[in-house]
Amino acid sequence: MLAYSLRRLLISVPIFIASTFVVFLMAVLSGNPLNKFLAISPPPPPQTIEAERIRLHLDQPIFERYWNWLTGLFRGDFGPSTESTLDIGTEVINRYGVTLRLVFLAMLLALILAIVAGVVSAVKQYSGVDYTLTFVGFLFLAMPTFWFAILLKEAGINFNNAVGEQVLYTIGDSSVYVAGGAWDKVLDIAGHMILPTVSLALLSFAAWSRFQRAAMLEVLGSDYVRLARAKGLRRGQVMRKHALRTALIPLTTVTALDLGSIISGAVVTEKVFQWQGAGTFLLDAISRDDVYAIMAWLVISATVIIVLNLVADLLYGVLDPRIRYA
């Protein structure tokens, strides 16, 4: 397993380099970070603009800039920001901590709902429950991320107005000031996570539940499940120990592949609920043509996706003992 993991990581290196170069090229060609000086009236002295040009490495060819950024990355240097006081490395790590708690909690909730809905739909195929869960799944599947997030935010505001107090938080990832100790701060953060998590989770659940239903139906019709039932094993035991375990393999694959979509969905969700996470960090970086800040977001996102896809591959062996890693 260790050798397999190392091979997978080595395979990811050229993919990582190619993807970062393409994004770097697109970011560099998309705008000029010195435009903010040209918009000032009167403009600053040419010496100031030239100094900023050198600080941002704009005096270097694109390939040299990329190589210097890539080699600096291994030293922990994410490069200079267009905001001279901004430490890109510290800021993106802090912001990603906020985003990852949203992404992981949303994934956990979506997985639980998808597994339950998929299994129930498969066991009660073509029943009223199956048709209801299918309708709900396609309903959420058809909703755009930003529209559903705005809908939930408005529903939260209306609910707070109806009860006359702040029950559902609709702005920010935490309160500016929280009276009390650590437990009160945890409750405050948890309260701010409810609506964004539900928004992100339900849209993922919709697609995953359909995969889980299809996988469960296929497994229930397999020979070894019919043999287990013929031997007299209880239905619950067959479902739990034999059918469900194998049916989770396709869902594991889909979850790993959808991780990038979930992170991009978190960008939109954070914008709607005004979270100060990695999504807002990326949008702010794009708005000011901050190439190195954009690349920092990409590096952290790519690392998370690569690691979790590796974890998903390793989970295959846990779910199905027949799978061996050479």
C-alpha atoms as a PDB file:
ATOM      1  CA  MET A   1       0.000   0.000   0.000  1.00  0.00           C
ATOM      2  CA  LEU A   2       2.867   2.381   0.754  1.00  0.00           C
ATOM      3  CA  ALA A   3       4.429   1.739  -2.657  1.00  0.00           C
ATOM      4  CA  TYR A   4       1.054   2.319  -4.327  1.00  0.00           C
ATOM      5  CA  SER A   5       0.575   5.597  -2.450  1.00  0.00           C
ATOM      6  CA  LEU A   6       4.025   6.813  -3.457  1.00  0.00           C
ATOM      7  CA  ARG A   7       3.347   5.946  -7.108  1.00  0.00           C
ATOM      8  CA  ARG A   8       0.073   7.843  -7.044  1.00  0.00           C
ATOM      9  CA  LEU A   9       1.764  10.884  -5.519  1.00  0.00           C
ATOM     10  CA  LEU A  10       4.539  10.769  -8.125  1.00  0.00           C
ATOM     11  CA  ILE A  11       1.959  10.555 -10.924  1.00  0.00           C
ATOM     12  CA  SER A  12       0.270  13.643  -9.462  1.00  0.00           C
ATOM     13  CA  VAL A  13       3.444  15.751  -9.747  1.00  0.00           C
ATOM     14  CA  PRO A  14       3.380  16.343 -13.549  1.00  0.00           C
ATOM     15  CA  ILE A  15      -0.395  16.903 -13.389  1.00  0.00           C
ATOM     16  CA  PHE A  16       0.151  19.479 -10.643  1.00  0.00           C
ATOM     17  CA  ILE A  17       2.885  21.260 -12.615  1.00  0.00           C
ATOM     18  CA  ALA A  18       0.854  21.314 -15.839  1.00  0.00           C
ATOM     19  CA  SER A  19      -2.295  22.613 -14.153  1.00  0.00           C
ATOM     20  CA  THR A  20      -0.466  25.314 -12.200  1.00  0.00           C
ATOM     21  CA  PHE A  21       1.326  26.515 -15.329  1.00  0.00           C
ATOM     22  CA  VAL A  22      -1.914  26.769 -17.324  1.00  0.00           C
ATOM     23  CA  VAL A  23      -3.617  28.719 -14.511  1.00  0.00           C
ATOM     24  CA  PHE A  24      -0.529  30.905 -14.046  1.00  0.00           C
ATOM     25  CA  LEU A  25      -0.517  31.713 -17.770  1.00  0.00           C
ATOM     26  CA  MET A  26      -4.229  32.536 -17.768  1.00  0.00           C
ATOM     27  CA  ALA A  27      -3.912  34.697 -14.648  1.00  0.00           C
ATOM     28  CA  VAL A  28      -0.952  36.624 -16.052  1.00  0.00           C
ATOM     29  CA  LEU A  29      -2.667  37.287 -19.380  1.00  0.00           C
ATOM     30  CA  SER A  30      -6.044  38.201 -17.867  1.00  0.00           C
ATOM     31  CA  GLY A  31      -5.079  41.616 -16.545  1.00  0.00           C
ATOM     32  CA  ASN A  32      -2.422  44.077 -15.427  1.00  0.00           C
ATOM     33  CA  PRO A  33      -2.076  44.593 -11.659  1.00  0.00           C
ATOM     34  CA  LEU A  34      -0.576  48.043 -12.314  1.00  0.00           C
ATOM     35  CA  ASN A  35      -3.865  49.336 -13.727  1.00  0.00           C
ATOM     36  CA  LYS A  36      -4.839  50.529 -10.253  1.00  0.00           C
ATOM     37  CA  PHE A  37      -2.053  53.129 -10.474  1.00  0.00           C
ATOM     38  CA  LEU A  38      -3.160  54.283 -13.915  1.00  0.00           C
ATOM     39  CA  ALA A  39      -6.689  54.854 -12.595  1.00  0.00           C
ATOM     40  CA  ILE A  40      -5.456  57.349  -9.988  1.00  0.00           C
ATOM     41  CA  SER A  41      -5.676  61.020 -10.875  1.00  0.00           C
ATOM     42  CA  PRO A  42      -3.053  62.346 -10.827  1.00  0.00           C
ATOM     43  CA  PRO A  43      -1.054  59.121 -11.326  1.00  0.00           C
ATOM     44  CA  PRO A  44       1.910  58.370  -9.039  1.00  0.00           C
ATOM     45  CA  PRO A  45       5.455  59.121 -10.189  1.00  0.00           C
ATOM     46  CA  PRO A  46       6.940  56.718 -12.786  1.00  0.00           C
ATOM     47  CA  GLN A  47       9.523  55.622 -10.201  1.00  0.00           C
ATOM     48  CA  THR A  48       6.736  54.322  -7.932  1.00  0.00           C
ATOM     49  CA  ILE A  49       5.113  52.365 -10.765  1.00  0.00           C
ATOM     50  CA  GLU A  50       8.464  50.929 -11.832  1.00  0.00           C
ATOM     51  CA  ALA A  51       9.282  49.869  -8.262  1.00  0.00           C
ATOM     52  CA  GLU A  52       5.924  48.090  -8.002  1.00  0.00           C
ATOM     53  CA  ARG A  53       6.531  46.458 -11.381  1.00  0.00           C
ATOM     54  CA  ILE A  54       9.843  45.046 -10.156  1.00  0.00           C
ATOM     55  CA  ARG A  55       8.356  43.959  -6.796  1.00  0.00           C
ATOM     56  CA  LEU A  56       5.645  41.961  -8.579  1.00  0.00           C
ATOM     57  CA  HIS A  57       8.232  40.441 -10.969  1.00  0.00           C
ATOM     58  CA  LEU A  58       6.479  41.964 -13.980  1.00  0.00           C
ATOM     59  CA  ASP A  59       9.868  42.791 -15.462  1.00  0.00           C
ATOM     60  CA  GLN A  60      10.570  39.080 -15.967  1.00  0.00           C
ATOM     61  CA  PRO A  61       9.413  36.804 -18.835  1.00  0.00           C
ATOM     62  CA  ILE A  62       6.405  34.594 -18.056  1.00  0.00           C
ATOM     63  CA  PHE A  63       8.389  31.330 -17.989  1.00  0.00           C
ATOM     64  CA  GLU A  64      10.973  32.838 -15.643  1.00  0.00           C
ATOM     65  CA  ARG A  65       8.247  34.190 -13.389  1.00  0.00           C
ATOM     66  CA  TYR A  66       6.590  30.756 -13.224  1.00  0.00           C
ATOM     67  CA  TRP A  67       9.869  28.980 -12.498  1.00  0.00           C
ATOM     68  CA  ASN A  68      10.751  31.436  -9.721  1.00  0.00           C
ATOM     69  CA  TRP A  69       7.284  31.003  -8.234  1.00  0.00           C
ATOM     70  CA  LEU A  70       7.481  27.199  -8.414  1.00  0.00           C
ATOM     71  CA  THR A  71      10.938  26.997  -6.810  1.00  0.00           C
ATOM     72  CA  GLY A  72       9.936  29.552  -4.189  1.00  0.00           C
ATOM     73  CA  LEU A  73       6.889  27.459  -3.353  1.00  0.00           C
ATOM     74  CA  PHE A  74       9.116  24.662  -2.018  1.00  0.00           C
ATOM     75  CA  ARG A  75      10.683  27.226   0.338  1.00  0.00           C
ATOM     76  CA  GLY A  76       7.266  28.284   1.600  1.00  0.00           C
ATOM     77  CA  ASP A  77       7.284  31.525  -0.391  1.00  0.00           C
ATOM     78  CA  PHE A  78       3.967  32.087  -2.215  1.00  0.00           C
ATOM     79  CA  GLY A  79       5.203  35.278  -3.881  1.00  0.00           C
ATOM     80  CA  PRO A  80       4.350  38.971  -3.484  1.00  0.00           C
ATOM     81  CA  SER A  81       0.792  40.235  -3.406  1.00  0.00           C
ATOM     82  CA  THR A  82      -0.551  43.356  -5.084  1.00  0.00           C
ATOM     83  CA  GLU A  83      -1.499  44.321  -1.526  1.00  0.00           C
ATOM     84  CA  SER A  84       1.965  45.064  -0.175  1.00  0.00           C
ATOM     85  CA  THR A  85       0.976  44.373   3.464  1.00  0.00           C
ATOM     86  CA  LEU A  86      -0.635  41.005   2.709  1.00  0.00           C
ATOM     87  CA  ASP A  87       1.246  37.811   3.595  1.00  0.00           C
ATOM     88  CA  ILE A  88      -0.247  35.422   1.037  1.00  0.00           C
ATOM     89  CA  GLY A  89       0.862  32.205   2.757  1.00  0.00           C
ATOM     90  CA  THR A  90      -0.555  33.072   6.180  1.00  0.00           C
ATOM     91  CA  GLU A  91      -3.751  34.540   4.754  1.00  0.00           C
ATOM     92  CA  VAL A  92      -4.624  31.662   2.416  1.00  0.00           C
ATOM     93  CA  ILE A  93      -3.993  29.034   5.116  1.00  0.00           C
ATOM     94  CA  ASN A  94      -6.208  30.889   7.605  1.00  0.00           C
ATOM     95  CA  ARG A  95      -8.917  31.366   4.992  1.00  0.00           C
ATOM     96  CA  TYR A  96      -8.769  27.729   3.898  1.00  0.00           C
ATOM     97  CA  GLY A  97      -9.269  26.614   7.486  1.00  0.00           C
ATOM     98  CA  VAL A  98     -12.659  28.354   7.369  1.00  0.00           C
ATOM     99  CA  THR A  99     -13.539  26.809   3.987  1.00  0.00           C
ATOM    100  CA  LEU A 100     -12.484  23.260   4.851  1.00  0.00           C
ATOM    101  CA  ARG A 101     -14.749  23.077   7.891  1.00  0.00           C
ATOM    102  CA  LEU A 102     -17.644  24.025   5.590  1.00  0.00           C
ATOM    103  CA  VAL A 103     -16.614  21.584   2.839  1.00  0.00           C
ATOM    104  CA  PHE A 104     -15.992  18.591   5.112  1.00  0.00           C
ATOM    105  CA  LEU A 105     -19.171  19.066   7.137  1.00  0.00           C
ATOM    106  CA  ALA A 106     -21.209  19.503   3.951  1.00  0.00           C
ATOM    107  CA  MET A 107     -19.639  16.361   2.462  1.00  0.00           C
ATOM    108  CA  LEU A 108     -20.376  14.377   5.629  1.00  0.00           C
ATOM    109  CA  LEU A 109     -24.012  15.499   5.689  1.00  0.00           C
ATOM    110  CA  ALA A 110     -24.410  14.852   1.951  1.00  0.00           C
ATOM    111  CA  LEU A 111     -22.913  11.354   2.260  1.00  0.00           C
ATOM    112  CA  ILE A 112     -25.192  10.386   5.152  1.00  0.00           C
ATOM    113  CA  LEU A 113     -28.280  11.627   3.324  1.00  0.00           C
ATOM    114  CA  ALA A 114     -27.201  10.045   0.012  1.00  0.00           C
ATOM    115  CA  ILE A 115     -26.526   6.646   1.555  1.00  0.00           C
ATOM    116  CA  VAL A 116     -29.812   6.578   3.467  1.00  0.00           C
ATOM    117  CA  ALA A 117     -31.876   7.832   0.517  1.00  0.00           C
ATOM    118  CA  GLY A 118     -30.100   5.571  -1.989  1.00  0.00           C
ATOM    119  CA  VAL A 119     -30.482   2.436   0.095  1.00  0.00           C
ATOM    120  CA  VAL A 120     -34.131   3.109   0.938  1.00  0.00           C
ATOM    121  CA  SER A 121     -34.943   3.837  -2.715  1.00  0.00           C
ATOM    122  CA  ALA A 122     -33.233   0.634  -3.842  1.00  0.00           C
ATOM    123  CA  VAL A 123     -34.874  -1.568  -1.215  1.00  0.00           C
ATOM    124  CA  LYS A 124     -38.309  -0.049  -1.905  1.00  0.00           C
ATOM    125  CA  GLN A 125     -37.871   0.183  -5.673  1.00  0.00           C
ATOM    126  CA  TYR A 126     -40.843   1.652  -7.587  1.00  0.00           C
ATOM    127  CA  SER A 127     -42.708   2.389  -4.367  1.00  0.00           C
ATOM    128  CA  GLY A 128     -44.111   5.740  -3.272  1.00  0.00           C
ATOM    129  CA  VAL A 129     -41.021   6.331  -1.133  1.00  0.00           C
ATOM    130  CA  ASP A 130     -38.753   5.641  -4.099  1.00  0.00           C
ATOM    131  CA  TYR A 131     -40.653   8.055  -6.346  1.00  0.00           C
ATOM    132  CA  THR A 132     -40.663  10.732  -3.629  1.00  0.00           C
ATOM    133  CA  LEU A 133     -36.919  10.484  -3.008  1.00  0.00           C
ATOM    134  CA  THR A 134     -36.293  10.465  -6.765  1.00  0.00           C
ATOM    135  CA  PHE A 135     -38.359  13.636  -7.175  1.00  0.00           C
ATOM    136  CA  VAL A 136     -36.550  15.371  -4.310  1.00  0.00           C
ATOM    137  CA  GLY A 137     -33.168  14.326  -5.715  1.00  0.00           C
ATOM    138  CA  PHE A 138     -33.890  15.682  -9.198  1.00  0.00           C
ATOM    139  CA  LEU A 139     -35.368  18.843  -7.694  1.00  0.00           C
ATOM    140  CA  PHE A 140     -32.150  19.685  -5.848  1.00  0.00           C
ATOM    141  CA  LEU A 141     -30.083  18.520  -8.817  1.00  0.00           C
ATOM    142  CA  ALA A 142     -31.762  21.128 -11.014  1.00  0.00           C
ATOM    143  CA  MET A 143     -31.077  24.039  -8.636  1.00  0.00           C
ATOM    144  CA  PRO A 144     -28.091  26.344  -9.318  1.00  0.00           C
ATOM    145  CA  THR A 145     -25.763  26.702  -6.333  1.00  0.00           C
ATOM    146  CA  PHE A 146     -26.021  30.488  -6.055  1.00  0.00           C
ATOM    147  CA  TRP A 147     -29.816  30.500  -6.415  1.00  0.00           C
ATOM    148  CA  PHE A 148     -30.361  27.866  -3.741  1.00  0.00           C
ATOM    149  CA  ALA A 149     -27.935  29.624  -1.380  1.00  0.00           C
ATOM    150  CA  ILE A 150     -29.770  32.939  -1.821  1.00  0.00           C
ATOM    151  CA  LEU A 151     -33.100  31.159  -1.301  1.00  0.00           C
ATOM    152  CA  LEU A 152     -31.895  29.628   1.975  1.00  0.00           C
ATOM    153  CA  LYS A 153     -30.478  32.959   3.127  1.00  0.00           C
ATOM    154  CA  GLU A 154     -33.788  34.721   2.509  1.00  0.00           C
ATOM    155  CA  ALA A 155     -35.655  31.899   4.253  1.00  0.00           C
ATOM    156  CA  GLY A 156     -33.340  32.273   7.254  1.00  0.00           C
ATOM    157  CA  ILE A 157     -33.931  36.030   7.407  1.00  0.00           C
ATOM    158  CA  ASN A 158     -37.701  35.550   7.222  1.00  0.00           C
ATOM    159  CA  PHE A 159     -37.567  32.869   9.921  1.00  0.00           C
ATOM    160  CA  ASN A 160     -35.608  35.164  12.239  1.00  0.00           C
ATOM    161  CA  ASN A 161     -38.133  37.952  11.659  1.00  0.00           C
ATOM    162  CA  ALA A 162     -41.011  35.566  12.365  1.00  0.00           C
ATOM    163  CA  VAL A 163     -39.635  34.341  15.724  1.00  0.00           C
ATOM    164  CA  GLY A 164     -38.349  37.785  16.677  1.00  0.00           C
ATOM    165  CA  GLU A 165     -34.766  36.769  17.451  1.00  0.00           C
ATOM    166  CA  GLN A 166     -31.518  35.667  15.774  1.00  0.00           C
ATOM    167  CA  VAL A 167     -31.820  31.897  15.426  1.00  0.00           C
ATOM    168  CA  LEU A 168     -30.287  31.277  11.991  1.00  0.00           C
ATOM    169  CA  TYR A 169     -27.165  33.281  11.118  1.00  0.00           C
ATOM    170  CA  THR A 170     -27.134  34.539   7.537  1.00  0.00           C
ATOM    171  CA  ILE A 171     -23.960  36.673   7.422  1.00  0.00           C
ATOM    172  CA  GLY A 172     -20.367  35.762   8.215  1.00  0.00           C
ATOM    173  CA  ASP A 173     -18.603  32.629   9.458  1.00  0.00           C
ATOM    174  CA  SER A 174     -18.601  33.824  13.091  1.00  0.00           C
ATOM    175  CA  SER A 175     -19.678  36.786  15.201  1.00  0.00           C
ATOM    176  CA  VAL A 176     -17.283  39.676  15.726  1.00  0.00           C
ATOM    177  CA  TYR A 177     -17.696  39.456  19.494  1.00  0.00           C
ATOM    178  CA  VAL A 178     -18.943  36.482  21.511  1.00  0.00           C
ATOM    179  CA  ALA A 179     -19.520  36.831  25.237  1.00  0.00           C
ATOM    180  CA  GLY A 180     -18.535  33.796  27.259  1.00  0.00           C
ATOM    181  CA  GLY A 181     -15.911  31.087  26.998  1.00  0.00           C
ATOM    182  CA  ALA A 182     -14.672  28.653  24.367  1.00  0.00           C
ATOM    183  CA  TRP A 183     -17.914  26.661  24.327  1.00  0.00           C
ATOM    184  CA  ASP A 184     -19.911  29.783  23.457  1.00  0.00           C
ATOM    185  CA  LYS A 185     -17.536  30.471  20.564  1.00  0.00           C
ATOM    186  CA  VAL A 186     -17.956  26.903  19.298  1.00  0.00           C
ATOM    187  CA  LEU A 187     -21.747  27.271  19.424  1.00  0.00           C
ATOM    188  CA  ASP A 188     -21.494  30.592  17.597  1.00  0.00           C
ATOM    189  CA  ILE A 189     -19.394  29.057  14.788  1.00  0.00           C
ATOM    190  CA  ALA A 190     -21.781  26.088  14.603  1.00  0.00           C
ATOM    191  CA  GLY A 191     -24.748  28.447  14.307  1.00  0.00           C
ATOM    192  CA  HIS A 192     -23.150  30.281  11.393  1.00  0.00           C
ATOM    193  CA  MET A 193     -22.473  26.971   9.614  1.00  0.00           C
ATOM    194  CA  ILE A 194     -26.059  25.696   9.494  1.00  0.00           C
ATOM    195  CA  LEU A 195     -27.386  27.437   6.376  1.00  0.00           C
ATOM    196  CA  PRO A 196     -24.179  27.352   4.259  1.00  0.00           C
ATOM    197  CA  THR A 197     -23.644  23.675   5.097  1.00  0.00           C
ATOM    198  CA  VAL A 198     -27.216  22.732   4.225  1.00  0.00           C
ATOM    199  CA  SER A 199     -26.969  24.745   0.991  1.00  0.00           C
ATOM    200  CA  LEU A 200     -23.791  22.973  -0.117  1.00  0.00           C
ATOM    201  CA  ALA A 201     -24.761  19.513   1.158  1.00  0.00           C
ATOM    202  CA  LEU A 202     -28.222  19.190  -0.394  1.00  0.00           C
ATOM    203  CA  LEU A 203     -26.979  19.910  -3.897  1.00  0.00           C
ATOM    204  CA  SER A 204     -24.275  17.219  -3.574  1.00  0.00           C
ATOM    205  CA  PHE A 205     -26.682  14.779  -1.938  1.00  0.00           C
ATOM    206  CA  ALA A 206     -29.021  14.996  -4.930  1.00  0.00           C
ATOM    207  CA  ALA A 207     -26.517  13.476  -7.368  1.00  0.00           C
ATOM    208  CA  TRP A 208     -24.883  11.083  -4.902  1.00  0.00           C
ATOM    209  CA  SER A 209     -28.189   9.534  -3.848  1.00  0.00           C
ATOM    210  CA  ARG A 210     -28.865   8.534  -7.468  1.00  0.00           C
ATOM    211  CA  PHE A 211     -25.464   6.828  -7.735  1.00  0.00           C
ATOM    212  CA  GLN A 212     -26.047   5.052  -4.432  1.00  0.00           C
ATOM    213  CA  ARG A 213     -29.467   3.830  -5.534  1.00  0.00           C
ATOM    214  CA  ALA A 214     -28.119   2.447  -8.823  1.00  0.00           C
ATOM    215  CA  ALA A 215     -25.151   0.759  -7.094  1.00  0.00           C
ATOM    216  CA  MET A 216     -27.398  -0.762  -4.426  1.00  0.00           C
ATOM    217  CA  LEU A 217     -29.810  -2.152  -7.017  1.00  0.00           C
ATOM    218  CA  GLU A 218     -26.942  -3.762  -8.898  1.00  0.00           C
ATOM    219  CA  VAL A 219     -25.533  -5.352  -5.739  1.00  0.00           C
ATOM    220  CA  LEU A 220     -28.942  -6.604  -4.554  1.00  0.00           C
ATOM    221  CA  GLY A 221     -29.294  -8.488  -7.835  1.00  0.00           C
ATOM    222  CA  SER A 222     -25.843 -10.099  -7.636  1.00  0.00           C
ATOM    223  CA  ASP A 223     -25.306 -13.831  -7.105  1.00  0.00           C
ATOM    224  CA  TYR A 224     -23.493 -13.599  -3.768  1.00  0.00           C
ATOM    225  CA  VAL A 225     -26.318 -11.581  -2.176  1.00  0.00           C
ATOM    226  CA  ARG A 226     -28.922 -14.110  -3.367  1.00  0.00           C
ATOM    227  CA  LEU A 227     -26.691 -16.894  -2.036  1.00  0.00           C
ATOM    228  CA  ALA A 228     -26.436 -15.192   1.357  1.00  0.00           C
ATOM    229  CA  ARG A 229     -30.222 -14.910   1.526  1.00  0.00           C
ATOM    230  CA  ALA A 230     -30.590 -18.553   0.439  1.00  0.00           C
ATOM    231  CA  LYS A 231     -28.329 -19.617   3.313  1.00  0.00           C
ATOM    232  CA  GLY A 232     -30.802 -18.116   5.742  1.00  0.00           C
ATOM    233  CA  LEU A 233     -28.969 -14.949   6.763  1.00  0.00           C
ATOM    234  CA  ARG A 234     -31.220 -12.225   8.085  1.00  0.00           C
ATOM    235  CA  ARG A 235     -32.164  -9.472   5.650  1.00  0.00           C
ATOM    236  CA  GLY A 236     -30.585  -6.776   7.804  1.00  0.00           C
ATOM    237  CA  GLN A 237     -27.329  -8.711   8.073  1.00  0.00           C
ATOM    238  CA  VAL A 238     -27.186  -9.267   4.314  1.00  0.00           C
ATOM    239  CA  MET A 239     -27.848  -5.596   3.654  1.00  0.00           C
ATOM    240  CA  ARG A 240     -25.332  -4.298   6.186  1.00  0.00           C
ATOM    241  CA  LYS A 241     -22.412  -6.709   5.838  1.00  0.00           C
ATOM    242  CA  HIS A 242     -22.634  -7.755   2.210  1.00  0.00           C
ATOM    243  CA  ALA A 243     -24.693  -5.434   0.002  1.00  0.00           C
ATOM    244  CA  LEU A 244     -24.074  -1.969   1.436  1.00  0.00           C
ATOM    245  CA  ARG A 245     -20.332  -2.382   1.808  1.00  0.00           C
ATOM    246  CA  THR A 246     -19.864  -3.228  -1.872  1.00  0.00           C
ATOM    247  CA  ALA A 247     -22.370  -0.594  -3.015  1.00  0.00           C
ATOM    248  CA  LEU A 248     -20.340   2.136  -1.310  1.00  0.00           C
ATOM    249  CA  ILE A 249     -17.426   1.719  -3.762  1.00  0.00           C
ATOM    250  CA  PRO A 250     -19.031   3.690  -6.658  1.00  0.00           C
ATOM    251  CA  LEU A 251     -20.124   6.405  -4.212  1.00  0.00           C
ATOM    252  CA  THR A 252     -16.554   6.681  -2.939  1.00  0.00           C
ATOM    253  CA  THR A 253     -15.345   7.252  -6.498  1.00  0.00           C
ATOM    254  CA  VAL A 254     -18.012   9.858  -7.241  1.00  0.00           C
ATOM    255  CA  THR A 255     -17.341  11.695  -3.975  1.00  0.00           C
ATOM    256  CA  ALA A 256     -13.628  11.962  -4.736  1.00  0.00           C
ATOM    257  CA  LEU A 257     -14.283  13.160  -8.291  1.00  0.00           C
ATOM    258  CA  ASP A 258     -16.838  15.725  -7.101  1.00  0.00           C
ATOM    259  CA  LEU A 259     -14.493  17.282  -4.539  1.00  0.00           C
ATOM    260  CA  GLY A 260     -13.388  19.972  -6.994  1.00  0.00           C
ATOM    261  CA  SER A 261     -17.030  20.852  -7.709  1.00  0.00           C
ATOM    262  CA  ILE A 262     -17.758  21.082  -3.994  1.00  0.00           C
ATOM    263  CA  ILE A 263     -14.834  23.452  -3.451  1.00  0.00           C
ATOM    264  CA  SER A 264     -16.001  25.616  -6.369  1.00  0.00           C
ATOM    265  CA  GLY A 265     -19.515  25.503  -4.926  1.00  0.00           C
ATOM    266  CA  ALA A 266     -18.078  26.690  -1.614  1.00  0.00           C
ATOM    267  CA  VAL A 267     -16.707  29.767  -3.414  1.00  0.00           C
ATOM    268  CA  VAL A 268     -20.247  30.763  -4.421  1.00  0.00           C
ATOM    269  CA  THR A 269     -21.739  29.808  -1.050  1.00  0.00           C
ATOM    270  CA  GLU A 270     -19.163  31.869   0.840  1.00  0.00           C
ATOM    271  CA  LYS A 271     -19.910  34.877  -1.345  1.00  0.00           C
ATOM    272  CA  VAL A 272     -23.648  34.642  -0.693  1.00  0.00           C
ATOM    273  CA  PHE A 273     -23.266  34.229   3.086  1.00  0.00           C
ATOM    274  CA  GLN A 274     -20.318  36.673   3.226  1.00  0.00           C
ATOM    275  CA  TRP A 275     -17.861  34.214   4.740  1.00  0.00           C
ATOM    276  CA  GLN A 276     -14.218  35.234   4.964  1.00  0.00           C
ATOM    277  CA  GLY A 277     -12.967  31.939   3.585  1.00  0.00           C
ATOM    278  CA  ALA A 278     -10.850  30.751   0.688  1.00  0.00           C
ATOM    279  CA  GLY A 279     -13.651  31.452  -1.788  1.00  0.00           C
ATOM    280  CA  THR A 280     -13.778  35.132  -0.888  1.00  0.00           C
ATOM    281  CA  PHE A 281      -9.967  35.176  -0.908  1.00  0.00           C
ATOM    282  CA  LEU A 282      -9.988  33.878  -4.501  1.00  0.00           C
ATOM    283  CA  LEU A 283     -12.624  36.322  -5.725  1.00  0.00           C
ATOM    284  CA  ASP A 284     -10.800  39.255  -4.129  1.00  0.00           C
ATOM    285  CA  ALA A 285      -7.515  38.102  -5.705  1.00  0.00           C
ATOM    286  CA  ILE A 286      -9.125  37.878  -9.150  1.00  0.00           C
ATOM    287  CA  SER A 287     -10.679  41.333  -8.816  1.00  0.00           C
ATOM    288  CA  ARG A 288      -7.279  42.942  -8.195  1.00  0.00           C
ATOM    289  CA  ASP A 289      -5.306  40.772 -10.678  1.00  0.00           C
ATOM    290  CA  ASP A 290      -3.267  39.268  -7.845  1.00  0.00           C
ATOM    291  CA  VAL A 291      -1.577  36.404  -9.704  1.00  0.00           C
ATOM    292  CA  TYR A 292       0.342  34.950  -6.759  1.00  0.00           C
ATOM    293  CA  ALA A 293      -2.701  34.982  -4.480  1.00  0.00           C
ATOM    294  CA  ILE A 294      -4.675  33.104  -7.151  1.00  0.00           C
ATOM    295  CA  MET A 295      -1.852  30.569  -7.418  1.00  0.00           C
ATOM    296  CA  ALA A 296      -1.771  30.122  -3.636  1.00  0.00           C
ATOM    297  CA  TRP A 297      -5.483  29.243  -3.667  1.00  0.00           C
ATOM    298  CA  LEU A 298      -4.873  26.784  -6.522  1.00  0.00           C
ATOM    299  CA  VAL A 299      -1.967  25.085  -4.725  1.00  0.00           C
ATOM    300  CA  ILE A 300      -3.959  24.474  -1.538  1.00  0.00           C
ATOM    301  CA  SER A 301      -7.021  23.317  -3.501  1.00  0.00           C
ATOM    302  CA  ALA A 302      -4.974  20.959  -5.685  1.00  0.00           C
ATOM    303  CA  THR A 303      -3.214  19.499  -2.644  1.00  0.00           C
ATOM    304  CA  VAL A 304      -6.514  18.830  -0.865  1.00  0.00           C
ATOM    305  CA  ILE A 305      -8.003  17.185  -3.968  1.00  0.00           C
ATOM    306  CA  ILE A 306      -4.916  15.016  -4.605  1.00  0.00           C
ATOM    307  CA  VAL A 307      -4.736  13.818  -0.993  1.00  0.00           C
ATOM    308  CA  LEU A 308      -8.453  13.044  -0.704  1.00  0.00           C
ATOM    309  CA  ASN A 309      -8.474  11.208  -4.030  1.00  0.00           C
ATOM    310  CA  LEU A 310      -5.618   9.082  -2.716  1.00  0.00           C
ATOM    311  CA  VAL A 311      -7.608   8.404   0.461  1.00  0.00           C
ATOM    312  CA  ALA A 312     -10.582   7.377  -1.686  1.00  0.00           C
ATOM    313  CA  ASP A 313      -8.404   4.918  -3.620  1.00  0.00           C
ATOM    314  CA  LEU A 314      -7.136   3.398  -0.383  1.00  0.00           C
ATOM    315  CA  LEU A 315     -10.703   3.059   0.926  1.00  0.00           C
ATOM    316  CA  TYR A 316     -11.473   0.646  -1.914  1.00  0.00           C
ATOM    317  CA  GLY A 317      -9.369  -1.969  -0.144  1.00  0.00           C
ATOM    318  CA  VAL A 318     -11.276  -1.403   3.098  1.00  0.00           C
ATOM    319  CA  LEU A 319     -14.695  -1.658   1.467  1.00  0.00           C
ATOM    320  CA  ASP A 320     -13.791  -4.661  -0.721  1.00  0.00           C
ATOM    321  CA  PRO A 321     -11.098  -7.017   0.689  1.00  0.00           C
ATOM    322  CA  ARG A 322     -10.670  -8.551  -2.782  1.00  0.00           C
ATOM    323  CA  ILE A 323      -8.903  -5.359  -3.905  1.00  0.00           C
ATOM    324  CA  ARG A 324      -5.160  -5.542  -3.371  1.00  0.00           C
ATOM    325  CA  TYR A 325      -2.531  -2.882  -4.026  1.00  0.00           C
ATOM    326  CA  ALA A 326       0.611  -4.124  -5.706  1.00  0.00           C
END
